[in-house]
C-alpha cells in the first residue's frame, strides 16, 4: 500500500464518517448540561465564582 493510497483512504474516511462522528460528539456535549438530574450540578457551578475562599463548604 503506497503512501498516496493510504492518504486517499484516510481522506475518504474523514470526509464520510469523520464529519458524522464530530457532529454526534458536538450534539452529545451540547446536550449534556440539559440531561435529567444535572440542574443541581449546574447551579453549583454557576454559584462557584461567587464563593469566597474563606467560606465554608
N, C-alpha and C. Protein backbone atom coordinates (compact mmCIF):
# COMPACT_ATOMS: atom_id res chain seq x y z
N UNK A 1 0.86 -1.17 0.00
CA UNK A 1 0.00 0.00 0.00
C UNK A 1 0.90 1.23 0.00
N UNK A 2 0.72 2.06 -0.98
CA UNK A 2 1.58 3.23 -1.08
C UNK A 2 1.06 4.35 -0.20
N UNK A 3 1.90 5.33 0.00
CA UNK A 3 1.55 6.48 0.82
C UNK A 3 0.38 7.23 0.22
N UNK A 4 0.36 7.32 -1.11
CA UNK A 4 -0.72 8.06 -1.77
C UNK A 4 -2.07 7.38 -1.57
N UNK A 5 -2.11 6.07 -1.67
CA UNK A 5 -3.39 5.39 -1.49
C UNK A 5 -3.83 5.41 -0.02
N UNK A 6 -2.88 5.38 0.90
CA UNK A 6 -3.22 5.50 2.32
C UNK A 6 -3.82 6.86 2.60
N UNK A 7 -3.21 7.90 2.04
CA UNK A 7 -3.73 9.25 2.20
C UNK A 7 -5.14 9.35 1.63
N UNK A 8 -5.35 8.80 0.44
CA UNK A 8 -6.68 8.86 -0.17
C UNK A 8 -7.71 8.11 0.67
N UNK A 9 -7.33 6.96 1.22
CA UNK A 9 -8.25 6.19 2.04
C UNK A 9 -8.61 6.96 3.32
N UNK A 10 -7.60 7.53 3.98
CA UNK A 10 -7.87 8.28 5.21
C UNK A 10 -8.67 9.54 4.92
N UNK A 11 -8.42 10.19 3.81
CA UNK A 11 -9.18 11.37 3.45
C UNK A 11 -10.64 11.02 3.17
N UNK A 12 -10.86 9.94 2.49
CA UNK A 12 -12.23 9.49 2.22
C UNK A 12 -12.95 9.14 3.53
N UNK A 13 -12.25 8.48 4.44
CA UNK A 13 -12.82 8.13 5.73
C UNK A 13 -13.19 9.39 6.52
N UNK A 14 -12.30 10.38 6.52
CA UNK A 14 -12.56 11.62 7.25
C UNK A 14 -13.71 12.38 6.60
N UNK A 15 -13.78 12.38 5.27
CA UNK A 15 -14.85 13.09 4.57
C UNK A 15 -16.21 12.44 4.82
N UNK A 16 -16.24 11.14 4.91
CA UNK A 16 -17.53 10.47 5.02
C UNK A 16 -17.97 10.29 6.48
N UNK A 17 -17.14 9.68 7.30
CA UNK A 17 -17.52 9.35 8.66
C UNK A 17 -17.02 10.34 9.70
N UNK A 18 -15.95 11.04 9.38
CA UNK A 18 -15.38 11.99 10.33
C UNK A 18 -16.35 13.10 10.68
N UNK A 19 -17.02 13.64 9.68
CA UNK A 19 -17.99 14.70 9.92
C UNK A 19 -19.15 14.20 10.78
N UNK A 20 -19.61 13.00 10.50
CA UNK A 20 -20.70 12.43 11.28
C UNK A 20 -20.29 12.23 12.74
N UNK A 21 -19.10 11.71 12.96
CA UNK A 21 -18.62 11.49 14.33
C UNK A 21 -18.47 12.82 15.06
N UNK A 22 -17.90 13.83 14.40
CA UNK A 22 -17.74 15.13 15.04
C UNK A 22 -19.09 15.77 15.36
N UNK A 23 -20.07 15.62 14.46
CA UNK A 23 -21.40 16.17 14.70
C UNK A 23 -22.06 15.47 15.89
N UNK A 24 -21.93 14.16 15.99
CA UNK A 24 -22.52 13.43 17.11
C UNK A 24 -21.85 13.79 18.43
N UNK A 25 -20.55 13.96 18.43
CA UNK A 25 -19.85 14.38 19.66
C UNK A 25 -20.30 15.77 20.06
N UNK A 26 -20.41 16.68 19.09
CA UNK A 26 -20.86 18.03 19.40
C UNK A 26 -22.26 18.02 19.98
N UNK A 27 -23.17 17.29 19.37
CA UNK A 27 -24.54 17.24 19.87
C UNK A 27 -24.60 16.63 21.26
N UNK A 28 -23.81 15.61 21.50
CA UNK A 28 -23.78 14.99 22.83
C UNK A 28 -23.26 15.95 23.89
N UNK A 29 -22.19 16.68 23.57
CA UNK A 29 -21.64 17.63 24.53
C UNK A 29 -22.56 18.83 24.73
N UNK A 30 -23.24 19.26 23.68
CA UNK A 30 -24.17 20.38 23.80
C UNK A 30 -25.39 20.01 24.62
N UNK A 31 -25.81 18.75 24.57
CA UNK A 31 -26.99 18.30 25.30
C UNK A 31 -26.68 17.88 26.74
N UNK A 32 -25.42 17.66 27.05
CA UNK A 32 -25.01 17.14 28.35
C UNK A 32 -25.53 17.98 29.52
N UNK A 33 -25.46 19.31 29.52
CA UNK A 33 -25.95 20.08 30.67
C UNK A 33 -27.47 20.01 30.85
N UNK A 34 -28.19 19.59 29.84
CA UNK A 34 -29.65 19.56 29.90
C UNK A 34 -30.21 18.19 30.27
N UNK A 35 -29.34 17.26 30.63
CA UNK A 35 -29.81 15.92 30.97
C UNK A 35 -30.56 15.96 32.30
N UNK A 36 -31.47 15.02 32.52
CA UNK A 36 -32.20 14.98 33.79
C UNK A 36 -31.25 14.79 34.97
N UNK A 37 -31.49 15.55 36.02
CA UNK A 37 -30.68 15.43 37.22
C UNK A 37 -29.43 16.29 37.23
N UNK A 38 -29.20 17.06 36.19
CA UNK A 38 -27.98 17.87 36.12
C UNK A 38 -28.17 19.27 36.70
N UNK A 39 -29.39 19.63 37.05
CA UNK A 39 -29.63 21.01 37.48
C UNK A 39 -28.88 21.36 38.77
N UNK A 40 -28.74 20.41 39.69
CA UNK A 40 -28.00 20.70 40.93
C UNK A 40 -26.54 20.98 40.63
N UNK A 41 -25.93 20.20 39.77
CA UNK A 41 -24.53 20.44 39.40
C UNK A 41 -24.38 21.74 38.64
N UNK A 42 -25.32 22.04 37.77
CA UNK A 42 -25.27 23.29 37.01
C UNK A 42 -25.38 24.50 37.94
N UNK A 43 -26.27 24.42 38.91
CA UNK A 43 -26.44 25.53 39.86
C UNK A 43 -25.19 25.70 40.71
N UNK A 44 -24.60 24.61 41.16
CA UNK A 44 -23.38 24.69 41.96
C UNK A 44 -22.24 25.31 41.14
N UNK A 45 -22.13 24.94 39.89
CA UNK A 45 -21.08 25.50 39.03
C UNK A 45 -21.33 26.98 38.77
N UNK A 46 -22.58 27.38 38.63
CA UNK A 46 -22.91 28.78 38.37
C UNK A 46 -22.60 29.65 39.59
N UNK A 47 -22.77 29.13 40.78
CA UNK A 47 -22.54 29.90 42.00
C UNK A 47 -21.09 29.84 42.48
N UNK A 48 -20.28 29.00 41.87
CA UNK A 48 -18.91 28.80 42.33
C UNK A 48 -18.07 30.07 42.25
N UNK A 49 -18.30 30.92 41.26
CA UNK A 49 -17.48 32.13 41.12
C UNK A 49 -17.77 33.15 42.21
N UNK A 50 -18.91 33.03 42.88
CA UNK A 50 -19.27 33.96 43.94
C UNK A 50 -18.81 33.49 45.31
N UNK A 51 -18.29 32.29 45.40
CA UNK A 51 -17.88 31.72 46.67
C UNK A 51 -16.52 32.28 47.06
N UNK A 52 -16.39 32.74 48.29
CA UNK A 52 -15.13 33.26 48.79
C UNK A 52 -14.27 32.10 49.25
N UNK A 53 -12.97 32.25 49.13
CA UNK A 53 -12.09 31.15 49.54
C UNK A 53 -12.14 30.90 51.03
N UNK A 54 -12.60 31.87 51.82
CA UNK A 54 -12.70 31.69 53.26
C UNK A 54 -14.06 31.14 53.70
N UNK A 55 -15.00 31.04 52.78
CA UNK A 55 -16.32 30.49 53.12
C UNK A 55 -16.19 29.00 53.36
N UNK A 56 -17.08 28.49 54.19
CA UNK A 56 -17.13 27.06 54.41
C UNK A 56 -17.84 26.37 53.26
N UNK A 57 -17.68 25.09 53.22
CA UNK A 57 -18.34 24.32 52.16
C UNK A 57 -19.78 24.39 52.43
